Amino acid sequence: MTGQNEVKGRNTARPQKRRLTGQQITAIILAAVAVIFIAQNREVASISLLFLSVSLPLWVTLAVATAVGVAVGWLLHRRSV
């Protein structure tokens, strides 16, 4: 016997629509805000860390800081699971 959703060898079951969770929507909104913030800050800034000092476009600095934050969050989340 075939399942109720099969007609002449074809599966007629509708694919389930995947809904976004509140956490995913929040992440998308925060990512969009970060991208807009980074795009609007294009002037050159001097960055100093300990004995190292560099001049970079501010958007590069913000993009690196965002990437580091995402990586730290991902690593901490993986550890707690």
PDB file of N, CA and C in Angstrom:
ATOM      1  N   MET A   1       0.830  -1.182   0.000  1.00  0.00           N
ATOM      2  CA  MET A   1       0.000   0.000   0.000  1.00  0.00           C
ATOM      3  C   MET A   1       0.875   1.246   0.000  1.00  0.00           C
ATOM      4  N   THR A   2       0.453   2.200  -0.732  1.00  0.00           N
ATOM      5  CA  THR A   2       1.156   3.476  -0.737  1.00  0.00           C
ATOM      6  C   THR A   2       0.484   4.430   0.232  1.00  0.00           C
ATOM      7  N   GLY A   3       1.192   5.487   0.583  1.00  0.00           N
ATOM      8  CA  GLY A   3       0.656   6.463   1.521  1.00  0.00           C
ATOM      9  C   GLY A   3      -0.516   7.224   0.926  1.00  0.00           C
ATOM     10  N   GLN A   4      -1.260   7.931   1.751  1.00  0.00           N
ATOM     11  CA  GLN A   4      -2.418   8.674   1.291  1.00  0.00           C
ATOM     12  C   GLN A   4      -2.045   9.828   0.370  1.00  0.00           C
ATOM     13  N   ASN A   5      -0.832  10.331   0.482  1.00  0.00           N
ATOM     14  CA  ASN A   5      -0.420  11.488  -0.309  1.00  0.00           C
ATOM     15  C   ASN A   5       0.188  11.097  -1.652  1.00  0.00           C
ATOM     16  N   GLU A   6       0.206   9.844  -1.987  1.00  0.00           N
ATOM     17  CA  GLU A   6       0.785   9.426  -3.251  1.00  0.00           C
ATOM     18  C   GLU A   6      -0.318   9.027  -4.234  1.00  0.00           C
ATOM     19  N   VAL A   7      -0.235   9.578  -5.421  1.00  0.00           N
ATOM     20  CA  VAL A   7      -1.181   9.243  -6.479  1.00  0.00           C
ATOM     21  C   VAL A   7      -0.368   8.815  -7.686  1.00  0.00           C
ATOM     22  N   LYS A   8      -0.548   7.560  -8.109  1.00  0.00           N
ATOM     23  CA  LYS A   8       0.165   7.022  -9.273  1.00  0.00           C
ATOM     24  C   LYS A   8       1.662   7.298  -9.211  1.00  0.00           C
ATOM     25  N   GLY A   9       2.273   7.021  -8.046  1.00  0.00           N
ATOM     26  CA  GLY A   9       3.722   7.135  -7.937  1.00  0.00           C
ATOM     27  C   GLY A   9       4.236   8.539  -7.667  1.00  0.00           C
ATOM     28  N   ARG A  10       3.344   9.508  -7.570  1.00  0.00           N
ATOM     29  CA  ARG A  10       3.787  10.880  -7.310  1.00  0.00           C
ATOM     30  C   ARG A  10       3.419  11.264  -5.889  1.00  0.00           C
ATOM     31  N   ASN A  11       4.293  11.984  -5.262  1.00  0.00           N
ATOM     32  CA  ASN A  11       4.029  12.469  -3.923  1.00  0.00           C
ATOM     33  C   ASN A  11       3.331  13.816  -4.042  1.00  0.00           C
ATOM     34  N   THR A  12       2.092  13.899  -3.595  1.00  0.00           N
ATOM     35  CA  THR A  12       1.327  15.133  -3.718  1.00  0.00           C
ATOM     36  C   THR A  12       1.325  15.954  -2.428  1.00  0.00           C
ATOM     37  N   ALA A  13       2.116  15.531  -1.461  1.00  0.00           N
ATOM     38  CA  ALA A  13       2.180  16.282  -0.199  1.00  0.00           C
ATOM     39  C   ALA A  13       2.777  17.654  -0.467  1.00  0.00           C
ATOM     40  N   ARG A  14       2.191  18.656   0.131  1.00  0.00           N
ATOM     41  CA  ARG A  14       2.711  20.013  -0.028  1.00  0.00           C
ATOM     42  C   ARG A  14       3.943  20.194   0.843  1.00  0.00           C
ATOM     43  N   PRO A  15       4.959  20.835   0.298  1.00  0.00           N
ATOM     44  CA  PRO A  15       6.133  21.096   1.144  1.00  0.00           C
ATOM     45  C   PRO A  15       5.745  22.070   2.252  1.00  0.00           C
ATOM     46  N   GLN A  16       6.239  21.819   3.433  1.00  0.00           N
ATOM     47  CA  GLN A  16       5.929  22.695   4.551  1.00  0.00           C
ATOM     48  C   GLN A  16       6.694  23.992   4.406  1.00  0.00           C
ATOM     49  N   LYS A  17       5.978  25.087   4.641  1.00  0.00           N
ATOM     50  CA  LYS A  17       6.633  26.386   4.596  1.00  0.00           C
ATOM     51  C   LYS A  17       7.380  26.578   5.906  1.00  0.00           C
ATOM     52  N   ARG A  18       8.616  26.970   5.794  1.00  0.00           N
ATOM     53  CA  ARG A  18       9.438  27.173   6.972  1.00  0.00           C
ATOM     54  C   ARG A  18       9.257  28.594   7.454  1.00  0.00           C
ATOM     55  N   ARG A  19       8.848  28.761   8.693  1.00  0.00           N
ATOM     56  CA  ARG A  19       8.624  30.080   9.257  1.00  0.00           C
ATOM     57  C   ARG A  19       9.849  30.512  10.035  1.00  0.00           C
ATOM     58  N   LEU A  20      10.110  31.806   9.989  1.00  0.00           N
ATOM     59  CA  LEU A  20      11.232  32.356  10.738  1.00  0.00           C
ATOM     60  C   LEU A  20      10.844  32.507  12.201  1.00  0.00           C
ATOM     61  N   THR A  21      11.793  32.195  13.084  1.00  0.00           N
ATOM     62  CA  THR A  21      11.553  32.363  14.510  1.00  0.00           C
ATOM     63  C   THR A  21      11.843  33.809  14.891  1.00  0.00           C
ATOM     64  N   GLY A  22      11.435  34.198  16.063  1.00  0.00           N
ATOM     65  CA  GLY A  22      11.708  35.542  16.558  1.00  0.00           C
ATOM     66  C   GLY A  22      13.200  35.811  16.651  1.00  0.00           C
ATOM     67  N   GLN A  23      13.948  34.795  17.033  1.00  0.00           N
ATOM     68  CA  GLN A  23      15.409  34.927  17.135  1.00  0.00           C
ATOM     69  C   GLN A  23      16.024  35.166  15.759  1.00  0.00           C
ATOM     70  N   GLN A  24      15.542  34.475  14.734  1.00  0.00           N
ATOM     71  CA  GLN A  24      16.061  34.667  13.383  1.00  0.00           C
ATOM     72  C   GLN A  24      15.705  36.049  12.849  1.00  0.00           C
ATOM     73  N   ILE A  25      14.483  36.510  13.118  1.00  0.00           N
ATOM     74  CA  ILE A  25      14.074  37.845  12.675  1.00  0.00           C
ATOM     75  C   ILE A  25      14.928  38.910  13.347  1.00  0.00           C
ATOM     76  N   THR A  26      15.169  38.766  14.649  1.00  0.00           N
ATOM     77  CA  THR A  26      16.023  39.707  15.379  1.00  0.00           C
ATOM     78  C   THR A  26      17.433  39.719  14.800  1.00  0.00           C
ATOM     79  N   ALA A  27      17.976  38.543  14.492  1.00  0.00           N
ATOM     80  CA  ALA A  27      19.318  38.457  13.923  1.00  0.00           C
ATOM     81  C   ALA A  27      19.383  39.150  12.564  1.00  0.00           C
ATOM     82  N   ILE A  28      18.353  38.978  11.742  1.00  0.00           N
ATOM     83  CA  ILE A  28      18.321  39.619  10.423  1.00  0.00           C
ATOM     84  C   ILE A  28      18.267  41.138  10.572  1.00  0.00           C
ATOM     85  N   ILE A  29      17.438  41.622  11.497  1.00  0.00           N
ATOM     86  CA  ILE A  29      17.332  43.068  11.714  1.00  0.00           C
ATOM     87  C   ILE A  29      18.654  43.636  12.219  1.00  0.00           C
ATOM     88  N   LEU A  30      19.277  42.967  13.189  1.00  0.00           N
ATOM     89  CA  LEU A  30      20.569  43.442  13.713  1.00  0.00           C
ATOM     90  C   LEU A  30      21.655  43.426  12.638  1.00  0.00           C
ATOM     91  N   ALA A  31      21.654  42.407  11.801  1.00  0.00           N
ATOM     92  CA  ALA A  31      22.636  42.336  10.712  1.00  0.00           C
ATOM     93  C   ALA A  31      22.419  43.488   9.732  1.00  0.00           C
ATOM     94  N   ALA A  32      21.161  43.783   9.413  1.00  0.00           N
ATOM     95  CA  ALA A  32      20.867  44.893   8.500  1.00  0.00           C
ATOM     96  C   ALA A  32      21.306  46.228   9.101  1.00  0.00           C
ATOM     97  N   VAL A  33      21.039  46.429  10.388  1.00  0.00           N
ATOM     98  CA  VAL A  33      21.462  47.665  11.056  1.00  0.00           C
ATOM     99  C   VAL A  33      22.983  47.777  11.051  1.00  0.00           C
ATOM    100  N   ALA A  34      23.676  46.672  11.312  1.00  0.00           N
ATOM    101  CA  ALA A  34      25.140  46.682  11.308  1.00  0.00           C
ATOM    102  C   ALA A  34      25.679  47.033   9.920  1.00  0.00           C
ATOM    103  N   VAL A  35      25.104  46.457   8.879  1.00  0.00           N
ATOM    104  CA  VAL A  35      25.552  46.740   7.508  1.00  0.00           C
ATOM    105  C   VAL A  35      25.325  48.216   7.166  1.00  0.00           C
ATOM    106  N   ILE A  36      24.163  48.751   7.528  1.00  0.00           N
ATOM    107  CA  ILE A  36      23.880  50.167   7.260  1.00  0.00           C
ATOM    108  C   ILE A  36      24.839  51.060   8.035  1.00  0.00           C
ATOM    109  N   PHE A  37      25.072  50.743   9.307  1.00  0.00           N
ATOM    110  CA  PHE A  37      25.984  51.525  10.141  1.00  0.00           C
ATOM    111  C   PHE A  37      27.395  51.515   9.562  1.00  0.00           C
ATOM    112  N   ILE A  38      27.843  50.352   9.142  1.00  0.00           N
ATOM    113  CA  ILE A  38      29.180  50.228   8.559  1.00  0.00           C
ATOM    114  C   ILE A  38      29.269  51.011   7.251  1.00  0.00           C
ATOM    115  N   ALA A  39      28.246  50.917   6.417  1.00  0.00           N
ATOM    116  CA  ALA A  39      28.253  51.598   5.118  1.00  0.00           C
ATOM    117  C   ALA A  39      28.267  53.114   5.262  1.00  0.00           C
ATOM    118  N   GLN A  40      27.682  53.645   6.322  1.00  0.00           N
ATOM    119  CA  GLN A  40      27.621  55.087   6.499  1.00  0.00           C
ATOM    120  C   GLN A  40      28.870  55.677   7.152  1.00  0.00           C
ATOM    121  N   ASN A  41      29.765  54.860   7.648  1.00  0.00           N
ATOM    122  CA  ASN A  41      30.974  55.339   8.313  1.00  0.00           C
ATOM    123  C   ASN A  41      32.194  54.987   7.461  1.00  0.00           C
ATOM    124  N   ARG A  42      32.468  55.851   6.492  1.00  0.00           N
ATOM    125  CA  ARG A  42      33.527  55.553   5.525  1.00  0.00           C
ATOM    126  C   ARG A  42      34.788  56.395   5.692  1.00  0.00           C
ATOM    127  N   GLU A  43      34.827  57.305   6.649  1.00  0.00           N
ATOM    128  CA  GLU A  43      36.013  58.138   6.808  1.00  0.00           C
ATOM    129  C   GLU A  43      37.165  57.319   7.405  1.00  0.00           C
ATOM    130  N   VAL A  44      38.378  57.857   7.308  1.00  0.00           N
ATOM    131  CA  VAL A  44      39.568  57.170   7.809  1.00  0.00           C
ATOM    132  C   VAL A  44      39.689  57.434   9.301  1.00  0.00           C
ATOM    133  N   ALA A  45      40.046  56.400  10.037  1.00  0.00           N
ATOM    134  CA  ALA A  45      40.218  56.520  11.486  1.00  0.00           C
ATOM    135  C   ALA A  45      41.548  55.904  11.889  1.00  0.00           C
ATOM    136  N   SER A  46      42.154  56.458  12.922  1.00  0.00           N
ATOM    137  CA  SER A  46      43.391  55.914  13.467  1.00  0.00           C
ATOM    138  C   SER A  46      43.029  54.972  14.601  1.00  0.00           C
ATOM    139  N   ILE A  47      43.484  53.740  14.498  1.00  0.00           N
ATOM    140  CA  ILE A  47      43.170  52.708  15.480  1.00  0.00           C
ATOM    141  C   ILE A  47      44.456  52.321  16.202  1.00  0.00           C
ATOM    142  N   SER A  48      44.403  52.305  17.533  1.00  0.00           N
ATOM    143  CA  SER A  48      45.558  51.918  18.344  1.00  0.00           C
ATOM    144  C   SER A  48      45.189  50.748  19.239  1.00  0.00           C
ATOM    145  N   LEU A  49      46.040  49.752  19.244  1.00  0.00           N
ATOM    146  CA  LEU A  49      45.867  48.596  20.126  1.00  0.00           C
ATOM    147  C   LEU A  49      47.249  48.231  20.655  1.00  0.00           C
ATOM    148  N   LEU A  50      47.434  48.433  21.939  1.00  0.00           N
ATOM    149  CA  LEU A  50      48.725  48.232  22.599  1.00  0.00           C
ATOM    150  C   LEU A  50      49.787  49.065  21.893  1.00  0.00           C
ATOM    151  N   PHE A  51      50.763  48.453  21.270  1.00  0.00           N
ATOM    152  CA  PHE A  51      51.839  49.200  20.603  1.00  0.00           C
ATOM    153  C   PHE A  51      51.611  49.360  19.105  1.00  0.00           C
ATOM    154  N   LEU A  52      50.530  48.829  18.582  1.00  0.00           N
ATOM    155  CA  LEU A  52      50.235  48.881  17.155  1.00  0.00           C
ATOM    156  C   LEU A  52      49.259  50.020  16.864  1.00  0.00           C
ATOM    157  N   SER A  53      49.570  50.811  15.847  1.00  0.00           N
ATOM    158  CA  SER A  53      48.684  51.896  15.447  1.00  0.00           C
ATOM    159  C   SER A  53      48.580  51.902  13.925  1.00  0.00           C
ATOM    160  N   VAL A  54      47.346  51.896  13.429  1.00  0.00           N
ATOM    161  CA  VAL A  54      47.116  51.890  11.987  1.00  0.00           C
ATOM    162  C   VAL A  54      46.013  52.874  11.641  1.00  0.00           C
ATOM    163  N   SER A  55      46.035  53.345  10.410  1.00  0.00           N
ATOM    164  CA  SER A  55      44.959  54.186   9.890  1.00  0.00           C
ATOM    165  C   SER A  55      44.215  53.386   8.834  1.00  0.00           C
ATOM    166  N   LEU A  56      42.946  53.191   9.084  1.00  0.00           N
ATOM    167  CA  LEU A  56      42.105  52.406   8.181  1.00  0.00           C
ATOM    168  C   LEU A  56      40.776  53.126   7.984  1.00  0.00           C
ATOM    169  N   PRO A  57      40.105  52.830   6.877  1.00  0.00           N
ATOM    170  CA  PRO A  57      38.731  53.338   6.760  1.00  0.00           C
ATOM    171  C   PRO A  57      37.903  52.780   7.928  1.00  0.00           C
ATOM    172  N   LEU A  58      37.056  53.610   8.495  1.00  0.00           N
ATOM    173  CA  LEU A  58      36.277  53.202   9.655  1.00  0.00           C
ATOM    174  C   LEU A  58      35.394  51.996   9.349  1.00  0.00           C
ATOM    175  N   TRP A  59      34.907  51.877   8.110  1.00  0.00           N
ATOM    176  CA  TRP A  59      34.058  50.740   7.778  1.00  0.00           C
ATOM    177  C   TRP A  59      34.804  49.422   7.898  1.00  0.00           C
ATOM    178  N   VAL A  60      36.111  49.430   7.594  1.00  0.00           N
ATOM    179  CA  VAL A  60      36.905  48.202   7.730  1.00  0.00           C
ATOM    180  C   VAL A  60      37.010  47.822   9.206  1.00  0.00           C
ATOM    181  N   THR A  61      37.292  48.818  10.035  1.00  0.00           N
ATOM    182  CA  THR A  61      37.395  48.588  11.468  1.00  0.00           C
ATOM    183  C   THR A  61      36.083  48.053  12.034  1.00  0.00           C
ATOM    184  N   LEU A  62      34.970  48.660  11.636  1.00  0.00           N
ATOM    185  CA  LEU A  62      33.663  48.215  12.118  1.00  0.00           C
ATOM    186  C   LEU A  62      33.328  46.808  11.625  1.00  0.00           C
ATOM    187  N   ALA A  63      33.682  46.516  10.376  1.00  0.00           N
ATOM    188  CA  ALA A  63      33.418  45.181   9.827  1.00  0.00           C
ATOM    189  C   ALA A  63      34.233  44.117  10.577  1.00  0.00           C
ATOM    190  N   VAL A  64      35.488  44.429  10.881  1.00  0.00           N
ATOM    191  CA  VAL A  64      36.331  43.487  11.627  1.00  0.00           C
ATOM    192  C   VAL A  64      35.781  43.298  13.039  1.00  0.00           C
ATOM    193  N   ALA A  65      35.404  44.391  13.697  1.00  0.00           N
ATOM    194  CA  ALA A  65      34.851  44.297  15.050  1.00  0.00           C
ATOM    195  C   ALA A  65      33.551  43.486  15.050  1.00  0.00           C
ATOM    196  N   THR A  66      32.725  43.675  14.047  1.00  0.00           N
ATOM    197  CA  THR A  66      31.481  42.909  13.940  1.00  0.00           C
ATOM    198  C   THR A  66      31.781  41.430  13.729  1.00  0.00           C
ATOM    199  N   ALA A  67      32.730  41.133  12.854  1.00  0.00           N
ATOM    200  CA  ALA A  67      33.095  39.740  12.588  1.00  0.00           C
ATOM    201  C   ALA A  67      33.659  39.069  13.843  1.00  0.00           C
ATOM    202  N   VAL A  68      34.479  39.795  14.595  1.00  0.00           N
ATOM    203  CA  VAL A  68      35.027  39.246  15.835  1.00  0.00           C
ATOM    204  C   VAL A  68      33.894  38.983  16.834  1.00  0.00           C
ATOM    205  N   GLY A  69      32.955  39.911  16.939  1.00  0.00           N
ATOM    206  CA  GLY A  69      31.819  39.721  17.834  1.00  0.00           C
ATOM    207  C   GLY A  69      30.970  38.528  17.460  1.00  0.00           C
ATOM    208  N   VAL A  70      30.727  38.352  16.177  1.00  0.00           N
ATOM    209  CA  VAL A  70      29.956  37.198  15.701  1.00  0.00           C
ATOM    210  C   VAL A  70      30.704  35.907  16.016  1.00  0.00           C
ATOM    211  N   ALA A  71      32.004  35.892  15.778  1.00  0.00           N
ATOM    212  CA  ALA A  71      32.810  34.690  16.036  1.00  0.00           C
ATOM    213  C   ALA A  71      32.808  34.339  17.526  1.00  0.00           C
ATOM    214  N   VAL A  72      32.957  35.332  18.383  1.00  0.00           N
ATOM    215  CA  VAL A  72      32.944  35.083  19.827  1.00  0.00           C
ATOM    216  C   VAL A  72      31.574  34.557  20.254  1.00  0.00           C
ATOM    217  N   GLY A  73      30.513  35.174  19.777  1.00  0.00           N
ATOM    218  CA  GLY A  73      29.170  34.701  20.100  1.00  0.00           C
ATOM    219  C   GLY A  73      28.927  33.284  19.635  1.00  0.00           C
ATOM    220  N   TRP A  74      29.388  32.970  18.438  1.00  0.00           N
ATOM    221  CA  TRP A  74      29.217  31.624  17.896  1.00  0.00           C
ATOM    222  C   TRP A  74      29.998  30.606  18.726  1.00  0.00           C
ATOM    223  N   LEU A  75      31.237  30.957  19.093  1.00  0.00           N
ATOM    224  CA  LEU A  75      32.053  30.040  19.893  1.00  0.00           C
ATOM    225  C   LEU A  75      31.461  29.822  21.283  1.00  0.00           C
ATOM    226  N   LEU A  76      30.972  30.891  21.892  1.00  0.00           N
ATOM    227  CA  LEU A  76      30.368  30.748  23.219  1.00  0.00           C
ATOM    228  C   LEU A  76      29.075  29.960  23.157  1.00  0.00           C
ATOM    229  N   HIS A  77      28.306  30.151  22.106  1.00  0.00           N
ATOM    230  CA  HIS A  77      27.052  29.405  21.940  1.00  0.00           C
ATOM    231  C   HIS A  77      27.329  27.930  21.730  1.00  0.00           C
ATOM    232  N   ARG A  78      28.316  27.604  20.926  1.00  0.00           N
ATOM    233  CA  ARG A  78      28.657  26.202  20.668  1.00  0.00           C
ATOM    234  C   ARG A  78      29.108  25.514  21.948  1.00  0.00           C
ATOM    235  N   ARG A  79      29.835  26.239  22.778  1.00  0.00           N
ATOM    236  CA  ARG A  79      30.369  25.665  24.005  1.00  0.00           C
ATOM    237  C   ARG A  79      29.261  25.336  25.000  1.00  0.00           C
ATOM    238  N   SER A  80      28.227  26.164  25.041  1.00  0.00           N
ATOM    239  CA  SER A  80      27.167  25.981  26.027  1.00  0.00           C
ATOM    240  C   SER A  80      26.153  24.915  25.626  1.00  0.00           C
ATOM    241  N   VAL A  81      26.175  24.491  24.386  1.00  0.00           N
ATOM    242  CA  VAL A  81      25.183  23.513  23.924  1.00  0.00           C
ATOM    243  C   VAL A  81      25.570  22.126  24.316  1.00  0.00           C
TER     244      VAL A  81
END
